[in-house]
Amino acid sequence: MSMLRCFFEKRECDISALFHGLAVSRHDEAMRHFQRHPVVALSFRGISTVSDAERAVRASFAEHAYLRHHPALSPVDRMIYRQIKRQPLSYGLFELTRLVQQAHAERAVVLVDHYDRLSSVFARGVPLPWIYSRVFVGLRDNIHVEKAVLMDRSGLAERYVQCSRVWADRARRHWTPRSLGAT
């Protein structure tokens, strides 16, 4: 995850020497994104409840606290950033990527680590589609995201990413915390 972050994240110093000789450095399409994008990173390491997942997302919001005073943002957008913690997670993630894109004039790359840990919350009785819709609907068809990389160790991400659009659509129309028995 940290290697991907180093590759994508916009920086003032050139770190191309870290990637010299690697296969990615010979791939023109990939190198067009080298050190070009702001990065929104989420880590679900150690989560076991929906509250833990929400805290993990909010921690990624805190990494972008500079947005509160960024000159490229309007006073209204800076206020939106300050209020983002009180918004539903899907809206918050969408707004965060929008504000980051506006501040940096480049679409964001979203990196999600330990995606499979969300399954531990599912094992405690909260339906997995509801969790994914709460956390990741902000990535679906998000024009402010260049790429989203979901990393896990169990292969869950690959299976659930294929279904994420269906789940996000259903979540918006039908699933609510009350209807699913979640608190």
N, C-alpha and C. Protein backbone atom coordinates (compact mmCIF):
# COMPACT_ATOMS: atom_id res chain seq x y z
N MET A 1 0.83 -1.19 0.00
CA MET A 1 0.00 0.00 0.00
C MET A 1 0.87 1.25 0.00
N SER A 2 1.91 1.26 0.82
CA SER A 2 2.76 2.45 0.87
C SER A 2 3.50 2.66 -0.45
N MET A 3 3.82 1.59 -1.15
CA MET A 3 4.49 1.72 -2.46
C MET A 3 3.54 2.36 -3.46
N LEU A 4 2.28 1.95 -3.45
CA LEU A 4 1.29 2.56 -4.34
C LEU A 4 1.10 4.04 -4.01
N ARG A 5 1.06 4.31 -2.73
CA ARG A 5 0.90 5.70 -2.32
C ARG A 5 2.08 6.55 -2.81
N CYS A 6 3.28 6.04 -2.62
CA CYS A 6 4.47 6.77 -3.11
C CYS A 6 4.42 6.96 -4.61
N PHE A 7 3.92 5.97 -5.32
CA PHE A 7 3.87 6.06 -6.78
C PHE A 7 2.89 7.14 -7.23
N PHE A 8 1.69 7.13 -6.69
CA PHE A 8 0.64 8.03 -7.17
C PHE A 8 0.69 9.44 -6.56
N GLU A 9 1.09 9.54 -5.29
CA GLU A 9 0.91 10.80 -4.56
C GLU A 9 1.76 11.94 -5.10
N LYS A 10 1.09 13.06 -5.29
CA LYS A 10 1.74 14.28 -5.77
C LYS A 10 2.70 14.77 -4.68
N ARG A 11 3.95 15.02 -5.07
CA ARG A 11 4.99 15.48 -4.14
C ARG A 11 5.84 16.54 -4.80
N GLU A 12 6.51 17.32 -3.98
CA GLU A 12 7.43 18.32 -4.51
C GLU A 12 8.76 17.70 -4.90
N CYS A 13 9.19 16.68 -4.17
CA CYS A 13 10.49 16.05 -4.49
C CYS A 13 10.28 14.88 -5.44
N ASP A 14 11.24 14.65 -6.29
CA ASP A 14 11.19 13.57 -7.27
C ASP A 14 11.70 12.29 -6.63
N ILE A 15 10.87 11.26 -6.61
CA ILE A 15 11.29 9.98 -6.04
C ILE A 15 11.35 8.89 -7.11
N SER A 16 11.56 9.29 -8.35
CA SER A 16 11.58 8.32 -9.44
C SER A 16 12.68 7.28 -9.28
N ALA A 17 13.73 7.60 -8.56
CA ALA A 17 14.81 6.63 -8.34
C ALA A 17 14.31 5.38 -7.60
N LEU A 18 13.29 5.52 -6.78
CA LEU A 18 12.73 4.37 -6.08
C LEU A 18 12.14 3.34 -7.04
N PHE A 19 11.69 3.81 -8.18
CA PHE A 19 11.01 2.94 -9.14
C PHE A 19 11.89 2.58 -10.34
N HIS A 20 13.10 3.12 -10.37
CA HIS A 20 14.00 2.85 -11.48
C HIS A 20 14.29 1.35 -11.58
N GLY A 21 14.15 0.81 -12.76
CA GLY A 21 14.43 -0.60 -12.98
C GLY A 21 13.25 -1.52 -12.72
N LEU A 22 12.20 -1.02 -12.11
CA LEU A 22 11.02 -1.84 -11.88
C LEU A 22 10.17 -1.88 -13.15
N ALA A 23 9.38 -2.91 -13.30
CA ALA A 23 8.55 -3.07 -14.50
C ALA A 23 7.63 -1.88 -14.70
N VAL A 24 7.14 -1.31 -13.64
CA VAL A 24 6.21 -0.18 -13.76
C VAL A 24 6.89 1.02 -14.43
N SER A 25 8.18 1.18 -14.25
CA SER A 25 8.88 2.33 -14.85
C SER A 25 8.99 2.21 -16.36
N ARG A 26 8.77 1.01 -16.88
CA ARG A 26 8.80 0.81 -18.33
C ARG A 26 7.40 0.83 -18.95
N HIS A 27 6.41 1.08 -18.15
CA HIS A 27 5.02 1.07 -18.61
C HIS A 27 4.53 2.51 -18.75
N ASP A 28 4.44 2.99 -19.99
CA ASP A 28 4.10 4.39 -20.24
C ASP A 28 2.76 4.81 -19.64
N GLU A 29 1.77 3.95 -19.75
CA GLU A 29 0.44 4.28 -19.21
C GLU A 29 0.51 4.51 -17.71
N ALA A 30 1.21 3.65 -17.00
CA ALA A 30 1.34 3.81 -15.55
C ALA A 30 2.15 5.05 -15.21
N MET A 31 3.20 5.30 -15.94
CA MET A 31 4.07 6.45 -15.61
C MET A 31 3.38 7.79 -15.84
N ARG A 32 2.32 7.81 -16.63
CA ARG A 32 1.57 9.06 -16.78
C ARG A 32 0.91 9.47 -15.46
N HIS A 33 0.75 8.53 -14.54
CA HIS A 33 0.13 8.81 -13.25
C HIS A 33 1.15 8.97 -12.13
N PHE A 34 2.42 8.82 -12.44
CA PHE A 34 3.47 8.88 -11.41
C PHE A 34 3.51 10.26 -10.75
N GLN A 35 3.38 10.27 -9.43
CA GLN A 35 3.45 11.48 -8.59
C GLN A 35 2.55 12.60 -9.11
N ARG A 36 1.38 12.23 -9.56
CA ARG A 36 0.50 13.21 -10.18
C ARG A 36 -0.78 13.48 -9.39
N HIS A 37 -1.22 12.56 -8.55
CA HIS A 37 -2.55 12.63 -7.94
C HIS A 37 -2.50 12.81 -6.43
N PRO A 38 -3.50 13.50 -5.89
CA PRO A 38 -3.66 13.44 -4.44
C PRO A 38 -4.18 12.05 -4.07
N VAL A 39 -3.84 11.58 -2.90
CA VAL A 39 -4.22 10.23 -2.48
C VAL A 39 -5.10 10.30 -1.25
N VAL A 40 -6.19 9.56 -1.30
CA VAL A 40 -7.04 9.35 -0.13
C VAL A 40 -6.83 7.89 0.26
N ALA A 41 -6.27 7.66 1.43
CA ALA A 41 -5.95 6.30 1.87
C ALA A 41 -6.84 5.90 3.04
N LEU A 42 -7.39 4.70 2.95
CA LEU A 42 -8.22 4.14 4.01
C LEU A 42 -7.60 2.82 4.44
N SER A 43 -7.55 2.57 5.73
CA SER A 43 -7.07 1.29 6.22
C SER A 43 -8.08 0.73 7.21
N PHE A 44 -8.51 -0.49 6.97
CA PHE A 44 -9.46 -1.14 7.86
C PHE A 44 -8.78 -2.18 8.75
N ARG A 45 -7.49 -2.03 8.96
CA ARG A 45 -6.76 -2.94 9.85
C ARG A 45 -7.37 -2.86 11.25
N GLY A 46 -7.67 -4.02 11.80
CA GLY A 46 -8.13 -4.10 13.18
C GLY A 46 -9.57 -3.72 13.44
N ILE A 47 -10.38 -3.52 12.42
CA ILE A 47 -11.77 -3.16 12.69
C ILE A 47 -12.58 -4.39 13.04
N SER A 48 -13.60 -4.21 13.87
CA SER A 48 -14.48 -5.31 14.19
C SER A 48 -15.94 -4.88 14.31
N THR A 49 -16.20 -3.58 14.22
CA THR A 49 -17.56 -3.08 14.29
C THR A 49 -17.77 -2.01 13.22
N VAL A 50 -19.04 -1.69 12.99
CA VAL A 50 -19.35 -0.61 12.05
C VAL A 50 -18.73 0.69 12.54
N SER A 51 -18.74 0.93 13.84
CA SER A 51 -18.14 2.14 14.40
C SER A 51 -16.65 2.20 14.11
N ASP A 52 -15.98 1.05 14.19
CA ASP A 52 -14.55 1.01 13.85
C ASP A 52 -14.33 1.39 12.40
N ALA A 53 -15.19 0.89 11.51
CA ALA A 53 -15.07 1.21 10.08
C ALA A 53 -15.28 2.70 9.86
N GLU A 54 -16.26 3.26 10.55
CA GLU A 54 -16.51 4.70 10.43
C GLU A 54 -15.31 5.50 10.93
N ARG A 55 -14.72 5.07 12.03
CA ARG A 55 -13.52 5.77 12.55
C ARG A 55 -12.36 5.69 11.57
N ALA A 56 -12.22 4.55 10.90
CA ALA A 56 -11.14 4.40 9.92
C ALA A 56 -11.32 5.38 8.76
N VAL A 57 -12.54 5.53 8.30
CA VAL A 57 -12.81 6.47 7.22
C VAL A 57 -12.56 7.90 7.70
N ARG A 58 -13.01 8.21 8.88
CA ARG A 58 -12.83 9.56 9.42
C ARG A 58 -11.35 9.89 9.64
N ALA A 59 -10.55 8.88 9.95
CA ALA A 59 -9.11 9.11 10.10
C ALA A 59 -8.50 9.53 8.77
N SER A 60 -9.00 8.96 7.68
CA SER A 60 -8.49 9.39 6.37
C SER A 60 -8.90 10.82 6.07
N PHE A 61 -10.07 11.24 6.56
CA PHE A 61 -10.48 12.63 6.40
C PHE A 61 -9.50 13.55 7.11
N ALA A 62 -9.05 13.14 8.28
CA ALA A 62 -8.14 13.97 9.08
C ALA A 62 -6.81 14.20 8.37
N GLU A 63 -6.38 13.26 7.53
CA GLU A 63 -5.14 13.44 6.76
C GLU A 63 -5.21 14.65 5.83
N HIS A 64 -6.40 15.07 5.52
CA HIS A 64 -6.58 16.18 4.58
C HIS A 64 -7.08 17.43 5.29
N ALA A 65 -6.66 17.62 6.52
CA ALA A 65 -7.08 18.78 7.31
C ALA A 65 -6.64 20.10 6.67
N TYR A 66 -5.61 20.06 5.83
CA TYR A 66 -5.16 21.27 5.14
C TYR A 66 -6.27 21.89 4.30
N LEU A 67 -7.30 21.10 3.96
CA LEU A 67 -8.40 21.62 3.14
C LEU A 67 -9.19 22.71 3.87
N ARG A 68 -9.12 22.72 5.20
CA ARG A 68 -9.86 23.74 5.95
C ARG A 68 -9.42 25.15 5.59
N HIS A 69 -8.17 25.29 5.13
CA HIS A 69 -7.63 26.62 4.84
C HIS A 69 -7.04 26.73 3.44
N HIS A 70 -7.33 25.77 2.58
CA HIS A 70 -6.71 25.75 1.25
C HIS A 70 -7.23 26.90 0.39
N PRO A 71 -6.34 27.68 -0.21
CA PRO A 71 -6.77 28.85 -0.99
C PRO A 71 -7.55 28.52 -2.26
N ALA A 72 -7.41 27.30 -2.79
CA ALA A 72 -8.15 26.94 -4.01
C ALA A 72 -9.61 26.63 -3.73
N LEU A 73 -9.97 26.51 -2.46
CA LEU A 73 -11.35 26.19 -2.09
C LEU A 73 -12.10 27.45 -1.68
N SER A 74 -13.36 27.48 -2.04
CA SER A 74 -14.21 28.61 -1.64
C SER A 74 -14.51 28.51 -0.14
N PRO A 75 -14.96 29.59 0.47
CA PRO A 75 -15.36 29.51 1.89
C PRO A 75 -16.43 28.45 2.13
N VAL A 76 -17.33 28.28 1.18
CA VAL A 76 -18.38 27.25 1.33
C VAL A 76 -17.75 25.86 1.32
N ASP A 77 -16.80 25.61 0.40
CA ASP A 77 -16.14 24.31 0.36
C ASP A 77 -15.32 24.05 1.62
N ARG A 78 -14.67 25.07 2.15
CA ARG A 78 -13.92 24.87 3.39
C ARG A 78 -14.87 24.54 4.53
N MET A 79 -16.06 25.13 4.53
CA MET A 79 -17.06 24.81 5.54
C MET A 79 -17.55 23.37 5.36
N ILE A 80 -17.73 22.96 4.10
CA ILE A 80 -18.14 21.57 3.84
C ILE A 80 -17.12 20.60 4.40
N TYR A 81 -15.82 20.91 4.22
CA TYR A 81 -14.80 20.02 4.79
C TYR A 81 -14.94 19.94 6.32
N ARG A 82 -15.16 21.08 6.96
CA ARG A 82 -15.28 21.07 8.42
C ARG A 82 -16.50 20.27 8.89
N GLN A 83 -17.54 20.22 8.07
CA GLN A 83 -18.76 19.49 8.43
C GLN A 83 -18.76 18.04 7.97
N ILE A 84 -17.75 17.63 7.24
CA ILE A 84 -17.74 16.32 6.60
C ILE A 84 -17.85 15.17 7.61
N LYS A 85 -17.35 15.35 8.79
CA LYS A 85 -17.38 14.28 9.79
C LYS A 85 -18.79 13.99 10.27
N ARG A 86 -19.69 14.93 10.08
CA ARG A 86 -21.07 14.74 10.52
C ARG A 86 -21.96 14.16 9.43
N GLN A 87 -21.42 13.96 8.25
CA GLN A 87 -22.19 13.47 7.11
C GLN A 87 -22.12 11.95 7.03
N PRO A 88 -23.09 11.33 6.35
CA PRO A 88 -22.98 9.89 6.11
C PRO A 88 -21.66 9.59 5.39
N LEU A 89 -21.10 8.43 5.66
CA LEU A 89 -19.77 8.11 5.13
C LEU A 89 -19.70 8.17 3.62
N SER A 90 -20.72 7.66 2.94
CA SER A 90 -20.66 7.66 1.47
C SER A 90 -20.62 9.09 0.93
N TYR A 91 -21.40 9.96 1.52
CA TYR A 91 -21.39 11.36 1.11
C TYR A 91 -20.04 11.99 1.47
N GLY A 92 -19.54 11.67 2.65
CA GLY A 92 -18.27 12.22 3.09
C GLY A 92 -17.12 11.84 2.19
N LEU A 93 -17.08 10.59 1.75
CA LEU A 93 -16.00 10.14 0.87
C LEU A 93 -16.12 10.82 -0.50
N PHE A 94 -17.34 10.95 -0.99
CA PHE A 94 -17.54 11.66 -2.26
C PHE A 94 -17.07 13.11 -2.13
N GLU A 95 -17.49 13.78 -1.08
CA GLU A 95 -17.12 15.19 -0.90
C GLU A 95 -15.61 15.34 -0.69
N LEU A 96 -15.01 14.43 0.06
CA LEU A 96 -13.57 14.51 0.27
C LEU A 96 -12.83 14.41 -1.06
N THR A 97 -13.21 13.48 -1.90
CA THR A 97 -12.53 13.36 -3.19
C THR A 97 -12.79 14.58 -4.07
N ARG A 98 -13.97 15.15 -3.97
CA ARG A 98 -14.27 16.36 -4.74
C ARG A 98 -13.39 17.52 -4.28
N LEU A 99 -13.28 17.70 -2.98
CA LEU A 99 -12.48 18.81 -2.44
C LEU A 99 -11.00 18.61 -2.73
N VAL A 100 -10.52 17.39 -2.61
CA VAL A 100 -9.12 17.09 -2.90
C VAL A 100 -8.82 17.38 -4.37
N GLN A 101 -9.73 16.98 -5.25
CA GLN A 101 -9.52 17.26 -6.67
C GLN A 101 -9.50 18.77 -6.92
N GLN A 102 -10.40 19.48 -6.29
CA GLN A 102 -10.45 20.92 -6.49
C GLN A 102 -9.17 21.59 -5.98
N ALA A 103 -8.67 21.15 -4.84
CA ALA A 103 -7.47 21.75 -4.25
C ALA A 103 -6.22 21.47 -5.07
N HIS A 104 -6.14 20.28 -5.68
CA HIS A 104 -4.94 19.87 -6.39
C HIS A 104 -5.05 19.93 -7.91
N ALA A 105 -6.25 20.21 -8.41
CA ALA A 105 -6.50 20.26 -9.86
C ALA A 105 -6.19 18.92 -10.54
N GLU A 106 -6.31 17.84 -9.80
CA GLU A 106 -6.15 16.47 -10.33
C GLU A 106 -7.13 15.57 -9.58
N ARG A 107 -7.64 14.58 -10.29
CA ARG A 107 -8.53 13.63 -9.63
C ARG A 107 -7.74 12.78 -8.63
N ALA A 108 -8.44 12.34 -7.59
CA ALA A 108 -7.81 11.59 -6.51
C ALA A 108 -7.64 10.11 -6.85
N VAL A 109 -6.65 9.51 -6.22
CA VAL A 109 -6.50 8.06 -6.20
C VAL A 109 -6.89 7.62 -4.80
N VAL A 110 -7.80 6.66 -4.71
CA VAL A 110 -8.25 6.16 -3.42
C VAL A 110 -7.64 4.78 -3.21
N LEU A 111 -6.94 4.62 -2.11
CA LEU A 111 -6.30 3.35 -1.75
C LEU A 111 -6.98 2.81 -0.50
N VAL A 112 -7.48 1.60 -0.58
CA VAL A 112 -8.17 0.98 0.55
C VAL A 112 -7.41 -0.28 0.93
N ASP A 113 -6.90 -0.32 2.14
CA ASP A 113 -6.14 -1.47 2.62
C ASP A 113 -6.96 -2.24 3.65
N HIS A 114 -6.71 -3.54 3.71
CA HIS A 114 -7.41 -4.45 4.63
C HIS A 114 -8.92 -4.42 4.39
N TYR A 115 -9.28 -4.36 3.13
CA TYR A 115 -10.67 -4.38 2.72
C TYR A 115 -11.39 -5.61 3.27
N ASP A 116 -10.68 -6.72 3.36
CA ASP A 116 -11.27 -7.96 3.83
C ASP A 116 -11.67 -7.91 5.30
N ARG A 117 -11.16 -6.96 6.05
CA ARG A 117 -11.54 -6.85 7.46
C ARG A 117 -13.01 -6.48 7.62
N LEU A 118 -13.60 -5.92 6.59
CA LEU A 118 -15.02 -5.62 6.66
C LEU A 118 -15.84 -6.89 6.83
N SER A 119 -15.28 -8.03 6.38
CA SER A 119 -16.00 -9.29 6.54
C SER A 119 -16.12 -9.68 8.01
N SER A 120 -15.21 -9.22 8.87
CA SER A 120 -15.33 -9.52 10.30
C SER A 120 -16.54 -8.81 10.90
N VAL A 121 -16.87 -7.65 10.37
CA VAL A 121 -18.08 -6.96 10.82
C VAL A 121 -19.30 -7.74 10.34
N PHE A 122 -19.21 -8.24 9.10
CA PHE A 122 -20.29 -9.05 8.56
C PHE A 122 -20.52 -10.28 9.43
N ALA A 123 -19.45 -10.89 9.89
CA ALA A 123 -19.56 -12.09 10.71
C ALA A 123 -20.27 -11.81 12.04
N ARG A 124 -20.31 -10.56 12.45
CA ARG A 124 -20.99 -10.19 13.69
C ARG A 124 -22.45 -9.81 13.45
N GLY A 125 -22.97 -10.12 12.27
CA GLY A 125 -24.40 -9.96 12.03
C GLY A 125 -24.82 -8.75 11.24
N VAL A 126 -23.90 -7.90 10.85
CA VAL A 126 -24.28 -6.75 10.02
C VAL A 126 -24.09 -7.16 8.57
N PRO A 127 -25.13 -7.04 7.75
CA PRO A 127 -25.01 -7.48 6.35
C PRO A 127 -23.91 -6.74 5.61
N LEU A 128 -23.06 -7.51 4.95
CA LEU A 128 -21.93 -6.95 4.22
C LEU A 128 -22.34 -5.94 3.16
N PRO A 129 -23.39 -6.18 2.38
CA PRO A 129 -23.78 -5.16 1.39
C PRO A 129 -24.10 -3.82 2.03
N TRP A 130 -24.69 -3.83 3.22
CA TRP A 130 -25.00 -2.58 3.91
C TRP A 130 -23.71 -1.85 4.29
N ILE A 131 -22.73 -2.60 4.78
CA ILE A 131 -21.45 -1.98 5.15
C ILE A 131 -20.79 -1.39 3.92
N TYR A 132 -20.72 -2.16 2.84
CA TYR A 132 -20.08 -1.66 1.62
C TYR A 132 -20.80 -0.43 1.08
N SER A 133 -22.12 -0.45 1.15
CA SER A 133 -22.86 0.70 0.63
C SER A 133 -22.60 1.93 1.50
N ARG A 134 -22.46 1.76 2.80
CA ARG A 134 -22.20 2.90 3.69
C ARG A 134 -20.82 3.48 3.45
N VAL A 135 -19.85 2.62 3.18
CA VAL A 135 -18.47 3.08 3.06
C VAL A 135 -18.10 3.43 1.64
N PHE A 136 -18.51 2.61 0.66
CA PHE A 136 -17.96 2.75 -0.67
C PHE A 136 -18.88 3.30 -1.74
N VAL A 137 -20.13 3.58 -1.42
CA VAL A 137 -20.99 4.15 -2.46
C VAL A 137 -20.43 5.50 -2.93
N GLY A 138 -19.61 6.13 -2.10
CA GLY A 138 -18.96 7.38 -2.49
C GLY A 138 -17.92 7.21 -3.57
N LEU A 139 -17.55 5.97 -3.90
CA LEU A 139 -16.60 5.72 -4.98
C LEU A 139 -17.29 5.38 -6.29
N ARG A 140 -18.51 4.94 -6.20
CA ARG A 140 -19.22 4.48 -7.40
C ARG A 140 -19.50 5.65 -8.33
N ASP A 141 -19.06 5.54 -9.54
CA ASP A 141 -19.27 6.57 -10.57
C ASP A 141 -18.83 7.95 -10.10
N ASN A 142 -17.81 8.00 -9.27
CA ASN A 142 -17.31 9.27 -8.73
C ASN A 142 -16.37 9.91 -9.74
N ILE A 143 -16.76 11.02 -10.31
CA ILE A 143 -15.95 11.68 -11.33
C ILE A 143 -14.70 12.33 -10.76
N HIS A 144 -14.57 12.37 -9.46
CA HIS A 144 -13.42 12.98 -8.81
C HIS A 144 -12.33 11.97 -8.49
N VAL A 145 -12.56 10.70 -8.84
CA VAL A 145 -11.60 9.63 -8.56
C VAL A 145 -11.01 9.13 -9.86
N GLU A 146 -9.68 9.19 -9.95
CA GLU A 146 -8.97 8.65 -11.11
C GLU A 146 -8.94 7.13 -11.05
N LYS A 147 -8.54 6.61 -9.90
CA LYS A 147 -8.46 5.16 -9.69
C LYS A 147 -8.75 4.87 -8.23
N ALA A 148 -9.35 3.71 -7.99
CA ALA A 148 -9.54 3.22 -6.63
C ALA A 148 -8.93 1.83 -6.58
N VAL A 149 -8.06 1.59 -5.61
CA VAL A 149 -7.40 0.30 -5.47
C VAL A 149 -7.81 -0.27 -4.12
N LEU A 150 -8.45 -1.45 -4.17
CA LEU A 150 -8.90 -2.12 -2.96
C LEU A 150 -7.98 -3.32 -2.74
N MET A 151 -7.34 -3.36 -1.59
CA MET A 151 -6.37 -4.43 -1.32
C MET A 151 -6.82 -5.26 -0.13
N ASP A 152 -6.72 -6.57 -0.29
CA ASP A 152 -7.00 -7.47 0.82
C ASP A 152 -6.12 -8.69 0.70
N ARG A 153 -6.31 -9.60 1.61
CA ARG A 153 -5.47 -10.82 1.59
C ARG A 153 -6.28 -12.06 1.29
N SER A 154 -7.60 -11.93 1.23
CA SER A 154 -8.42 -13.13 1.08
C SER A 154 -9.11 -13.25 -0.26
N GLY A 155 -9.01 -12.26 -1.12
CA GLY A 155 -9.69 -12.30 -2.40
C GLY A 155 -11.09 -11.75 -2.36
N LEU A 156 -11.55 -11.31 -1.18
CA LEU A 156 -12.89 -10.75 -1.07
C LEU A 156 -13.08 -9.54 -1.97
N ALA A 157 -12.08 -8.71 -2.04
CA ALA A 157 -12.22 -7.48 -2.82
C ALA A 157 -12.59 -7.78 -4.26
N GLU A 158 -11.92 -8.74 -4.83
CA GLU A 158 -12.18 -9.07 -6.24
C GLU A 158 -13.63 -9.50 -6.43
N ARG A 159 -14.13 -10.35 -5.52
CA ARG A 159 -15.51 -10.81 -5.66
C ARG A 159 -16.50 -9.69 -5.41
N TYR A 160 -16.28 -8.90 -4.37
CA TYR A 160 -17.27 -7.89 -4.00
C TYR A 160 -17.21 -6.66 -4.88
N VAL A 161 -16.08 -6.35 -5.45
CA VAL A 161 -16.01 -5.21 -6.36
C VAL A 161 -16.90 -5.47 -7.56
N GLN A 162 -16.96 -6.72 -8.03
CA GLN A 162 -17.80 -7.04 -9.16
C GLN A 162 -19.27 -6.77 -8.85
N CYS A 163 -19.66 -6.92 -7.60
CA CYS A 163 -21.05 -6.72 -7.21
C CYS A 163 -21.31 -5.33 -6.63
N SER A 164 -20.30 -4.52 -6.47
CA SER A 164 -20.47 -3.28 -5.72
C SER A 164 -21.47 -2.33 -6.35
N ARG A 165 -21.52 -2.27 -7.67
CA ARG A 165 -22.48 -1.37 -8.31
C ARG A 165 -23.91 -1.81 -8.03
N VAL A 166 -24.15 -3.11 -8.09
CA VAL A 166 -25.49 -3.63 -7.79
C VAL A 166 -25.84 -3.31 -6.35
N TRP A 167 -24.90 -3.56 -5.42
CA TRP A 167 -25.17 -3.30 -4.01
C TRP A 167 -25.40 -1.82 -3.75
N ALA A 168 -24.60 -0.98 -4.37
CA ALA A 168 -24.76 0.45 -4.14
C ALA A 168 -26.12 0.92 -4.63
N ASP A 169 -26.56 0.44 -5.78
CA ASP A 169 -27.87 0.82 -6.29
C ASP A 169 -28.98 0.35 -5.36
N ARG A 170 -28.89 -0.89 -4.93
CA ARG A 170 -29.91 -1.43 -4.01
C ARG A 170 -29.88 -0.68 -2.68
N ALA A 171 -28.70 -0.38 -2.21
CA ALA A 171 -28.58 0.30 -0.92
C ALA A 171 -29.27 1.65 -0.97
N ARG A 172 -29.09 2.35 -2.06
CA ARG A 172 -29.71 3.66 -2.18
C ARG A 172 -31.23 3.56 -2.19
N ARG A 173 -31.75 2.51 -2.80
CA ARG A 173 -33.20 2.41 -2.96
C ARG A 173 -33.88 1.66 -1.82
N HIS A 174 -33.24 0.62 -1.29
CA HIS A 174 -33.96 -0.29 -0.40
C HIS A 174 -33.37 -0.47 0.99
N TRP A 175 -32.06 -0.52 1.09
CA TRP A 175 -31.46 -0.92 2.36
C TRP A 175 -31.24 0.28 3.25
N THR A 176 -31.69 0.15 4.44
CA THR A 176 -31.43 1.16 5.46
C THR A 176 -30.96 0.42 6.70
N PRO A 177 -30.28 1.11 7.61
CA PRO A 177 -29.84 0.42 8.83
C PRO A 177 -31.01 -0.22 9.57
N ARG A 178 -32.16 0.46 9.65
CA ARG A 178 -33.30 -0.08 10.39
C ARG A 178 -33.84 -1.33 9.69
N SER A 179 -33.98 -1.29 8.36
CA SER A 179 -34.55 -2.43 7.65
C SER A 179 -33.64 -3.66 7.73
N LEU A 180 -32.36 -3.43 7.96
CA LEU A 180 -31.42 -4.54 8.06
C LEU A 180 -31.16 -4.98 9.49
N GLY A 181 -31.81 -4.34 10.44
CA GLY A 181 -31.64 -4.70 11.83
C GLY A 181 -30.36 -4.23 12.46
N ALA A 182 -29.65 -3.31 11.80
CA ALA A 182 -28.40 -2.78 12.34
C ALA A 182 -28.70 -1.54 13.17
N THR A 183 -27.82 -1.27 14.09
CA THR A 183 -27.99 -0.06 14.90
C THR A 183 -26.93 0.94 14.57
